[in-house]
């Protein structure tokens, strides 16, 4: 099971691969990222659906758009969901 510490390690490893997966600049305004604002507004149940839905979206389109990058994005959402459930 992945805890928050492991998630930080995974995100650090992915960070080396580029910000387009972990911290896209177009989702950051000032000091807050869009995902952080969304997490503050939704319930835990709503966030669970949000993470799962986004993972499915990226898996669904990977052959038609960004291939490996989309799979990494799907993994990012699944890793985040797993870390929240393990917390």
PDB file of N, CA and C in Angstrom:
ATOM      1  N   UNK A   1       0.840  -1.184   0.000  1.00  0.00           N
ATOM      2  CA  UNK A   1       0.000   0.000   0.000  1.00  0.00           C
ATOM      3  C   UNK A   1       0.884   1.246   0.000  1.00  0.00           C
ATOM      4  N   UNK A   2       0.405   2.265  -0.663  1.00  0.00           N
ATOM      5  CA  UNK A   2       1.199   3.470  -0.802  1.00  0.00           C
ATOM      6  C   UNK A   2       0.777   4.504   0.227  1.00  0.00           C
ATOM      7  N   UNK A   3       1.733   4.944   1.046  1.00  0.00           N
ATOM      8  CA  UNK A   3       1.425   5.987   1.998  1.00  0.00           C
ATOM      9  C   UNK A   3       1.852   7.335   1.403  1.00  0.00           C
ATOM     10  N   UNK A   4       1.609   8.403   2.135  1.00  0.00           N
ATOM     11  CA  UNK A   4       1.938   9.728   1.620  1.00  0.00           C
ATOM     12  C   UNK A   4       3.431   9.883   1.369  1.00  0.00           C
ATOM     13  N   UNK A   5       4.259   9.242   2.202  1.00  0.00           N
ATOM     14  CA  UNK A   5       5.702   9.305   2.002  1.00  0.00           C
ATOM     15  C   UNK A   5       6.089   8.676   0.662  1.00  0.00           C
ATOM     16  N   UNK A   6       5.499   7.528   0.367  1.00  0.00           N
ATOM     17  CA  UNK A   6       5.761   6.850  -0.896  1.00  0.00           C
ATOM     18  C   UNK A   6       5.269   7.694  -2.067  1.00  0.00           C
ATOM     19  N   UNK A   7       4.101   8.340  -1.898  1.00  0.00           N
ATOM     20  CA  UNK A   7       3.578   9.196  -2.946  1.00  0.00           C
ATOM     21  C   UNK A   7       4.550  10.332  -3.248  1.00  0.00           C
ATOM     22  N   UNK A   8       5.143  10.896  -2.215  1.00  0.00           N
ATOM     23  CA  UNK A   8       6.126  11.961  -2.412  1.00  0.00           C
ATOM     24  C   UNK A   8       7.309  11.435  -3.218  1.00  0.00           C
ATOM     25  N   UNK A   9       7.768  10.208  -2.911  1.00  0.00           N
ATOM     26  CA  UNK A   9       8.859   9.601  -3.669  1.00  0.00           C
ATOM     27  C   UNK A   9       8.474   9.391  -5.124  1.00  0.00           C
ATOM     28  N   UNK A  10       7.284   8.871  -5.355  1.00  0.00           N
ATOM     29  CA  UNK A  10       6.810   8.636  -6.724  1.00  0.00           C
ATOM     30  C   UNK A  10       6.725   9.956  -7.471  1.00  0.00           C
ATOM     31  N   UNK A  11       6.175  10.976  -6.824  1.00  0.00           N
ATOM     32  CA  UNK A  11       6.061  12.277  -7.473  1.00  0.00           C
ATOM     33  C   UNK A  11       7.438  12.863  -7.757  1.00  0.00           C
ATOM     34  N   UNK A  12       8.396  12.660  -6.846  1.00  0.00           N
ATOM     35  CA  UNK A  12       9.752  13.156  -7.078  1.00  0.00           C
ATOM     36  C   UNK A  12      10.380  12.446  -8.267  1.00  0.00           C
ATOM     37  N   UNK A  13      10.189  11.129  -8.353  1.00  0.00           N
ATOM     38  CA  UNK A  13      10.705  10.384  -9.509  1.00  0.00           C
ATOM     39  C   UNK A  13      10.062  10.877 -10.787  1.00  0.00           C
ATOM     40  N   UNK A  14       8.778  11.069 -10.765  1.00  0.00           N
ATOM     41  CA  UNK A  14       8.068  11.539 -11.948  1.00  0.00           C
ATOM     42  C   UNK A  14       8.440  12.966 -12.300  1.00  0.00           C
ATOM     43  N   UNK A  15       8.777  13.754 -11.298  1.00  0.00           N
ATOM     44  CA  UNK A  15       9.156  15.149 -11.519  1.00  0.00           C
ATOM     45  C   UNK A  15      10.353  15.232 -12.458  1.00  0.00           C
ATOM     46  N   UNK A  16      11.273  14.289 -12.311  1.00  0.00           N
ATOM     47  CA  UNK A  16      12.449  14.251 -13.175  1.00  0.00           C
ATOM     48  C   UNK A  16      12.021  14.079 -14.624  1.00  0.00           C
ATOM     49  N   UNK A  17      10.898  13.391 -14.846  1.00  0.00           N
ATOM     50  CA  UNK A  17      10.420  13.127 -16.193  1.00  0.00           C
ATOM     51  C   UNK A  17       9.720  14.345 -16.797  1.00  0.00           C
ATOM     52  N   UNK A  18       9.419  15.340 -16.012  1.00  0.00           N
ATOM     53  CA  UNK A  18       8.816  16.551 -16.539  1.00  0.00           C
ATOM     54  C   UNK A  18       7.578  16.982 -15.789  1.00  0.00           C
ATOM     55  N   UNK A  19       7.342  18.261 -15.809  1.00  0.00           N
ATOM     56  CA  UNK A  19       6.223  18.847 -15.084  1.00  0.00           C
ATOM     57  C   UNK A  19       4.884  18.616 -15.769  1.00  0.00           C
ATOM     58  N   UNK A  20       4.867  18.189 -17.000  1.00  0.00           N
ATOM     59  CA  UNK A  20       3.600  18.041 -17.704  1.00  0.00           C
ATOM     60  C   UNK A  20       2.717  16.972 -17.075  1.00  0.00           C
ATOM     61  N   UNK A  21       3.278  16.080 -16.284  1.00  0.00           N
ATOM     62  CA  UNK A  21       2.500  15.048 -15.610  1.00  0.00           C
ATOM     63  C   UNK A  21       2.156  15.469 -14.188  1.00  0.00           C
ATOM     64  N   UNK A  22       3.122  15.907 -13.416  1.00  0.00           N
ATOM     65  CA  UNK A  22       2.930  16.147 -11.984  1.00  0.00           C
ATOM     66  C   UNK A  22       2.498  17.551 -11.607  1.00  0.00           C
ATOM     67  N   UNK A  23       3.023  18.529 -12.266  1.00  0.00           N
ATOM     68  CA  UNK A  23       2.722  19.921 -11.912  1.00  0.00           C
ATOM     69  C   UNK A  23       2.695  20.789 -13.170  1.00  0.00           C
ATOM     70  N   UNK A  24       1.717  20.577 -14.036  1.00  0.00           N
ATOM     71  CA  UNK A  24       1.658  21.385 -15.251  1.00  0.00           C
ATOM     72  C   UNK A  24       1.497  22.867 -14.917  1.00  0.00           C
ATOM     73  N   UNK A  25       2.281  23.683 -15.538  1.00  0.00           N
ATOM     74  CA  UNK A  25       2.263  25.112 -15.221  1.00  0.00           C
ATOM     75  C   UNK A  25       0.897  25.743 -15.498  1.00  0.00           C
ATOM     76  N   UNK A  26       0.150  25.216 -16.445  1.00  0.00           N
ATOM     77  CA  UNK A  26      -1.157  25.801 -16.763  1.00  0.00           C
ATOM     78  C   UNK A  26      -2.213  25.483 -15.706  1.00  0.00           C
ATOM     79  N   UNK A  27      -1.875  24.659 -14.703  1.00  0.00           N
ATOM     80  CA  UNK A  27      -2.804  24.378 -13.612  1.00  0.00           C
ATOM     81  C   UNK A  27      -2.379  25.049 -12.307  1.00  0.00           C
ATOM     82  N   UNK A  28      -1.407  25.926 -12.371  1.00  0.00           N
ATOM     83  CA  UNK A  28      -0.931  26.614 -11.174  1.00  0.00           C
ATOM     84  C   UNK A  28      -1.120  28.114 -11.345  1.00  0.00           C
ATOM     85  N   UNK A  29      -1.820  28.699 -10.409  1.00  0.00           N
ATOM     86  CA  UNK A  29      -2.003  30.147 -10.391  1.00  0.00           C
ATOM     87  C   UNK A  29      -1.473  30.657  -9.061  1.00  0.00           C
ATOM     88  N   UNK A  30      -0.432  31.446  -9.111  1.00  0.00           N
ATOM     89  CA  UNK A  30       0.174  31.921  -7.874  1.00  0.00           C
ATOM     90  C   UNK A  30       0.801  30.766  -7.123  1.00  0.00           C
ATOM     91  N   UNK A  31       0.421  30.591  -5.872  1.00  0.00           N
ATOM     92  CA  UNK A  31       1.047  29.559  -5.048  1.00  0.00           C
ATOM     93  C   UNK A  31       0.189  28.311  -4.876  1.00  0.00           C
ATOM     94  N   UNK A  32      -0.950  28.249  -5.545  1.00  0.00           N
ATOM     95  CA  UNK A  32      -1.825  27.094  -5.371  1.00  0.00           C
ATOM     96  C   UNK A  32      -2.067  26.407  -6.714  1.00  0.00           C
ATOM     97  N   UNK A  33      -2.054  25.081  -6.661  1.00  0.00           N
ATOM     98  CA  UNK A  33      -2.361  24.306  -7.857  1.00  0.00           C
ATOM     99  C   UNK A  33      -3.852  24.015  -7.886  1.00  0.00           C
ATOM    100  N   UNK A  34      -4.372  23.852  -9.060  1.00  0.00           N
ATOM    101  CA  UNK A  34      -5.794  23.587  -9.263  1.00  0.00           C
ATOM    102  C   UNK A  34      -6.255  22.364  -8.451  1.00  0.00           C
ATOM    103  N   UNK A  35      -5.459  21.294  -8.434  1.00  0.00           N
ATOM    104  CA  UNK A  35      -5.851  20.073  -7.717  1.00  0.00           C
ATOM    105  C   UNK A  35      -6.040  20.350  -6.226  1.00  0.00           C
ATOM    106  N   UNK A  36      -5.219  21.236  -5.662  1.00  0.00           N
ATOM    107  CA  UNK A  36      -5.347  21.572  -4.243  1.00  0.00           C
ATOM    108  C   UNK A  36      -6.659  22.314  -3.981  1.00  0.00           C
ATOM    109  N   UNK A  37      -7.032  23.204  -4.877  1.00  0.00           N
ATOM    110  CA  UNK A  37      -8.286  23.939  -4.723  1.00  0.00           C
ATOM    111  C   UNK A  37      -9.475  22.986  -4.851  1.00  0.00           C
ATOM    112  N   UNK A  38      -9.392  22.060  -5.803  1.00  0.00           N
ATOM    113  CA  UNK A  38     -10.473  21.087  -5.987  1.00  0.00           C
ATOM    114  C   UNK A  38     -10.631  20.229  -4.743  1.00  0.00           C
ATOM    115  N   UNK A  39      -9.503  19.753  -4.182  1.00  0.00           N
ATOM    116  CA  UNK A  39      -9.559  18.909  -2.984  1.00  0.00           C
ATOM    117  C   UNK A  39     -10.192  19.625  -1.807  1.00  0.00           C
ATOM    118  N   UNK A  40     -10.005  20.913  -1.725  1.00  0.00           N
ATOM    119  CA  UNK A  40     -10.589  21.686  -0.625  1.00  0.00           C
ATOM    120  C   UNK A  40     -12.100  21.849  -0.787  1.00  0.00           C
ATOM    121  N   UNK A  41     -12.588  21.777  -2.005  1.00  0.00           N
ATOM    122  CA  UNK A  41     -14.004  22.027  -2.265  1.00  0.00           C
ATOM    123  C   UNK A  41     -14.870  20.772  -2.266  1.00  0.00           C
ATOM    124  N   UNK A  42     -14.275  19.603  -2.515  1.00  0.00           N
ATOM    125  CA  UNK A  42     -15.055  18.378  -2.653  1.00  0.00           C
ATOM    126  C   UNK A  42     -14.955  17.501  -1.411  1.00  0.00           C
ATOM    127  N   UNK A  43     -15.978  16.687  -1.192  1.00  0.00           N
ATOM    128  CA  UNK A  43     -15.945  15.719  -0.102  1.00  0.00           C
ATOM    129  C   UNK A  43     -14.989  14.584  -0.470  1.00  0.00           C
ATOM    130  N   UNK A  44     -14.666  13.747   0.491  1.00  0.00           N
ATOM    131  CA  UNK A  44     -13.784  12.603   0.237  1.00  0.00           C
ATOM    132  C   UNK A  44     -14.393  11.677  -0.813  1.00  0.00           C
ATOM    133  N   UNK A  45     -15.686  11.468  -0.740  1.00  0.00           N
ATOM    134  CA  UNK A  45     -16.366  10.613  -1.707  1.00  0.00           C
ATOM    135  C   UNK A  45     -16.330  11.221  -3.110  1.00  0.00           C
ATOM    136  N   UNK A  46     -16.556  12.513  -3.189  1.00  0.00           N
ATOM    137  CA  UNK A  46     -16.495  13.189  -4.483  1.00  0.00           C
ATOM    138  C   UNK A  46     -15.086  13.140  -5.063  1.00  0.00           C
ATOM    139  N   UNK A  47     -14.079  13.309  -4.216  1.00  0.00           N
ATOM    140  CA  UNK A  47     -12.691  13.258  -4.698  1.00  0.00           C
ATOM    141  C   UNK A  47     -12.343  11.871  -5.203  1.00  0.00           C
ATOM    142  N   UNK A  48     -12.847  10.853  -4.537  1.00  0.00           N
ATOM    143  CA  UNK A  48     -12.593   9.479  -4.987  1.00  0.00           C
ATOM    144  C   UNK A  48     -13.084   9.293  -6.420  1.00  0.00           C
ATOM    145  N   UNK A  49     -14.288   9.770  -6.699  1.00  0.00           N
ATOM    146  CA  UNK A  49     -14.827   9.705  -8.048  1.00  0.00           C
ATOM    147  C   UNK A  49     -14.038  10.554  -9.029  1.00  0.00           C
ATOM    148  N   UNK A  50     -13.593  11.713  -8.576  1.00  0.00           N
ATOM    149  CA  UNK A  50     -12.799  12.607  -9.423  1.00  0.00           C
ATOM    150  C   UNK A  50     -11.491  11.931  -9.841  1.00  0.00           C
ATOM    151  N   UNK A  51     -10.784  11.357  -8.870  1.00  0.00           N
ATOM    152  CA  UNK A  51      -9.520  10.673  -9.177  1.00  0.00           C
ATOM    153  C   UNK A  51      -9.747   9.513 -10.144  1.00  0.00           C
ATOM    154  N   UNK A  52     -10.744   8.688  -9.851  1.00  0.00           N
ATOM    155  CA  UNK A  52     -11.027   7.524 -10.698  1.00  0.00           C
ATOM    156  C   UNK A  52     -11.447   7.947 -12.103  1.00  0.00           C
ATOM    157  N   UNK A  53     -12.287   8.948 -12.191  1.00  0.00           N
ATOM    158  CA  UNK A  53     -12.749   9.419 -13.490  1.00  0.00           C
ATOM    159  C   UNK A  53     -11.611   9.956 -14.343  1.00  0.00           C
ATOM    160  N   UNK A  54     -10.715  10.706 -13.722  1.00  0.00           N
ATOM    161  CA  UNK A  54      -9.573  11.235 -14.475  1.00  0.00           C
ATOM    162  C   UNK A  54      -8.627  10.128 -14.913  1.00  0.00           C
ATOM    163  N   UNK A  55      -8.422   9.130 -14.064  1.00  0.00           N
ATOM    164  CA  UNK A  55      -7.575   7.995 -14.455  1.00  0.00           C
ATOM    165  C   UNK A  55      -8.168   7.288 -15.667  1.00  0.00           C
ATOM    166  N   UNK A  56      -9.472   7.054 -15.642  1.00  0.00           N
ATOM    167  CA  UNK A  56     -10.141   6.399 -16.773  1.00  0.00           C
ATOM    168  C   UNK A  56     -10.001   7.243 -18.038  1.00  0.00           C
ATOM    169  N   UNK A  57     -10.184   8.547 -17.909  1.00  0.00           N
ATOM    170  CA  UNK A  57     -10.077   9.444 -19.063  1.00  0.00           C
ATOM    171  C   UNK A  57      -8.709   9.311 -19.730  1.00  0.00           C
ATOM    172  N   UNK A  58      -7.652   9.343 -18.932  1.00  0.00           N
ATOM    173  CA  UNK A  58      -6.310   9.278 -19.509  1.00  0.00           C
ATOM    174  C   UNK A  58      -6.009   7.905 -20.089  1.00  0.00           C
ATOM    175  N   UNK A  59      -6.501   6.850 -19.483  1.00  0.00           N
ATOM    176  CA  UNK A  59      -6.305   5.510 -20.041  1.00  0.00           C
ATOM    177  C   UNK A  59      -7.082   5.387 -21.354  1.00  0.00           C
ATOM    178  N   UNK A  60      -8.283   5.920 -21.376  1.00  0.00           N
ATOM    179  CA  UNK A  60      -9.154   5.832 -22.549  1.00  0.00           C
ATOM    180  C   UNK A  60      -8.504   6.473 -23.791  1.00  0.00           C
ATOM    181  N   UNK A  61      -7.857   7.621 -23.585  1.00  0.00           N
ATOM    182  CA  UNK A  61      -7.368   8.369 -24.737  1.00  0.00           C
ATOM    183  C   UNK A  61      -5.909   8.124 -25.089  1.00  0.00           C
ATOM    184  N   UNK A  62      -5.195   7.325 -24.299  1.00  0.00           N
ATOM    185  CA  UNK A  62      -3.743   7.228 -24.457  1.00  0.00           C
ATOM    186  C   UNK A  62      -3.299   6.821 -25.852  1.00  0.00           C
ATOM    187  N   UNK A  63      -4.005   5.963 -26.529  1.00  0.00           N
ATOM    188  CA  UNK A  63      -3.600   5.541 -27.873  1.00  0.00           C
ATOM    189  C   UNK A  63      -3.849   6.613 -28.927  1.00  0.00           C
ATOM    190  N   UNK A  64      -4.673   7.576 -28.594  1.00  0.00           N
ATOM    191  CA  UNK A  64      -5.069   8.574 -29.581  1.00  0.00           C
ATOM    192  C   UNK A  64      -4.473   9.953 -29.335  1.00  0.00           C
ATOM    193  N   UNK A  65      -3.801  10.128 -28.208  1.00  0.00           N
ATOM    194  CA  UNK A  65      -3.288  11.465 -27.923  1.00  0.00           C
ATOM    195  C   UNK A  65      -1.829  11.422 -27.482  1.00  0.00           C
ATOM    196  N   UNK A  66      -1.568  11.240 -26.201  1.00  0.00           N
ATOM    197  CA  UNK A  66      -0.200  11.392 -25.682  1.00  0.00           C
ATOM    198  C   UNK A  66       0.454  10.095 -25.223  1.00  0.00           C
ATOM    199  N   UNK A  67      -0.130   8.975 -25.506  1.00  0.00           N
ATOM    200  CA  UNK A  67       0.389   7.655 -25.191  1.00  0.00           C
ATOM    201  C   UNK A  67       0.981   7.561 -23.787  1.00  0.00           C
ATOM    202  N   UNK A  68       2.282   7.416 -23.661  1.00  0.00           N
ATOM    203  CA  UNK A  68       2.918   7.166 -22.362  1.00  0.00           C
ATOM    204  C   UNK A  68       2.639   8.296 -21.375  1.00  0.00           C
ATOM    205  N   UNK A  69       2.652   9.525 -21.841  1.00  0.00           N
ATOM    206  CA  UNK A  69       2.378  10.645 -20.926  1.00  0.00           C
ATOM    207  C   UNK A  69       0.976  10.522 -20.328  1.00  0.00           C
ATOM    208  N   UNK A  70       0.006  10.124 -21.128  1.00  0.00           N
ATOM    209  CA  UNK A  70      -1.346   9.950 -20.594  1.00  0.00           C
ATOM    210  C   UNK A  70      -1.405   8.812 -19.581  1.00  0.00           C
ATOM    211  N   UNK A  71      -0.667   7.739 -19.811  1.00  0.00           N
ATOM    212  CA  UNK A  71      -0.630   6.648 -18.838  1.00  0.00           C
ATOM    213  C   UNK A  71       0.018   7.106 -17.534  1.00  0.00           C
ATOM    214  N   UNK A  72       1.022   7.955 -17.629  1.00  0.00           N
ATOM    215  CA  UNK A  72       1.648   8.516 -16.422  1.00  0.00           C
ATOM    216  C   UNK A  72       0.664   9.396 -15.673  1.00  0.00           C
ATOM    217  N   UNK A  73      -0.135  10.150 -16.412  1.00  0.00           N
ATOM    218  CA  UNK A  73      -1.152  10.993 -15.770  1.00  0.00           C
ATOM    219  C   UNK A  73      -2.203  10.126 -15.083  1.00  0.00           C
ATOM    220  N   UNK A  74      -2.608   9.035 -15.719  1.00  0.00           N
ATOM    221  CA  UNK A  74      -3.563   8.110 -15.093  1.00  0.00           C
ATOM    222  C   UNK A  74      -2.967   7.553 -13.809  1.00  0.00           C
ATOM    223  N   UNK A  75      -1.704   7.162 -13.863  1.00  0.00           N
ATOM    224  CA  UNK A  75      -1.027   6.633 -12.678  1.00  0.00           C
ATOM    225  C   UNK A  75      -0.965   7.685 -11.584  1.00  0.00           C
ATOM    226  N   UNK A  76      -0.748   8.949 -11.948  1.00  0.00           N
ATOM    227  CA  UNK A  76      -0.678  10.034 -10.975  1.00  0.00           C
ATOM    228  C   UNK A  76      -1.983  10.113 -10.183  1.00  0.00           C
ATOM    229  N   UNK A  77      -3.112  10.046 -10.885  1.00  0.00           N
ATOM    230  CA  UNK A  77      -4.408  10.102 -10.205  1.00  0.00           C
ATOM    231  C   UNK A  77      -4.636   8.860  -9.350  1.00  0.00           C
ATOM    232  N   UNK A  78      -4.254   7.698  -9.847  1.00  0.00           N
ATOM    233  CA  UNK A  78      -4.419   6.472  -9.054  1.00  0.00           C
ATOM    234  C   UNK A  78      -3.509   6.482  -7.829  1.00  0.00           C
ATOM    235  N   UNK A  79      -2.276   6.948  -7.978  1.00  0.00           N
ATOM    236  CA  UNK A  79      -1.357   7.040  -6.833  1.00  0.00           C
ATOM    237  C   UNK A  79      -1.908   7.995  -5.779  1.00  0.00           C
ATOM    238  N   UNK A  80      -2.469   9.078  -6.223  1.00  0.00           N
ATOM    239  CA  UNK A  80      -3.032  10.067  -5.287  1.00  0.00           C
ATOM    240  C   UNK A  80      -4.240   9.469  -4.548  1.00  0.00           C
ATOM    241  N   UNK A  81      -5.092   8.742  -5.277  1.00  0.00           N
ATOM    242  CA  UNK A  81      -6.238   8.094  -4.650  1.00  0.00           C
ATOM    243  C   UNK A  81      -5.777   7.055  -3.629  1.00  0.00           C
ATOM    244  N   UNK A  82      -4.819   6.232  -4.002  1.00  0.00           N
ATOM    245  CA  UNK A  82      -4.307   5.201  -3.103  1.00  0.00           C
ATOM    246  C   UNK A  82      -3.719   5.834  -1.843  1.00  0.00           C
ATOM    247  N   UNK A  83      -2.955   6.901  -2.006  1.00  0.00           N
ATOM    248  CA  UNK A  83      -2.358   7.559  -0.849  1.00  0.00           C
ATOM    249  C   UNK A  83      -3.435   8.113   0.085  1.00  0.00           C
ATOM    250  N   UNK A  84      -4.492   8.678  -0.485  1.00  0.00           N
ATOM    251  CA  UNK A  84      -5.587   9.211   0.343  1.00  0.00           C
ATOM    252  C   UNK A  84      -6.313   8.090   1.084  1.00  0.00           C
ATOM    253  N   UNK A  85      -6.502   6.947   0.413  1.00  0.00           N
ATOM    254  CA  UNK A  85      -7.191   5.829   1.050  1.00  0.00           C
ATOM    255  C   UNK A  85      -6.327   5.176   2.129  1.00  0.00           C
ATOM    256  N   UNK A  86      -5.016   5.209   1.938  1.00  0.00           N
ATOM    257  CA  UNK A  86      -4.093   4.626   2.926  1.00  0.00           C
ATOM    258  C   UNK A  86      -3.882   5.530   4.128  1.00  0.00           C
ATOM    259  N   UNK A  87      -4.221   6.802   3.995  1.00  0.00           N
ATOM    260  CA  UNK A  87      -3.952   7.775   5.073  1.00  0.00           C
ATOM    261  C   UNK A  87      -4.824   7.517   6.279  1.00  0.00           C
TER     262      UNK A  87
END
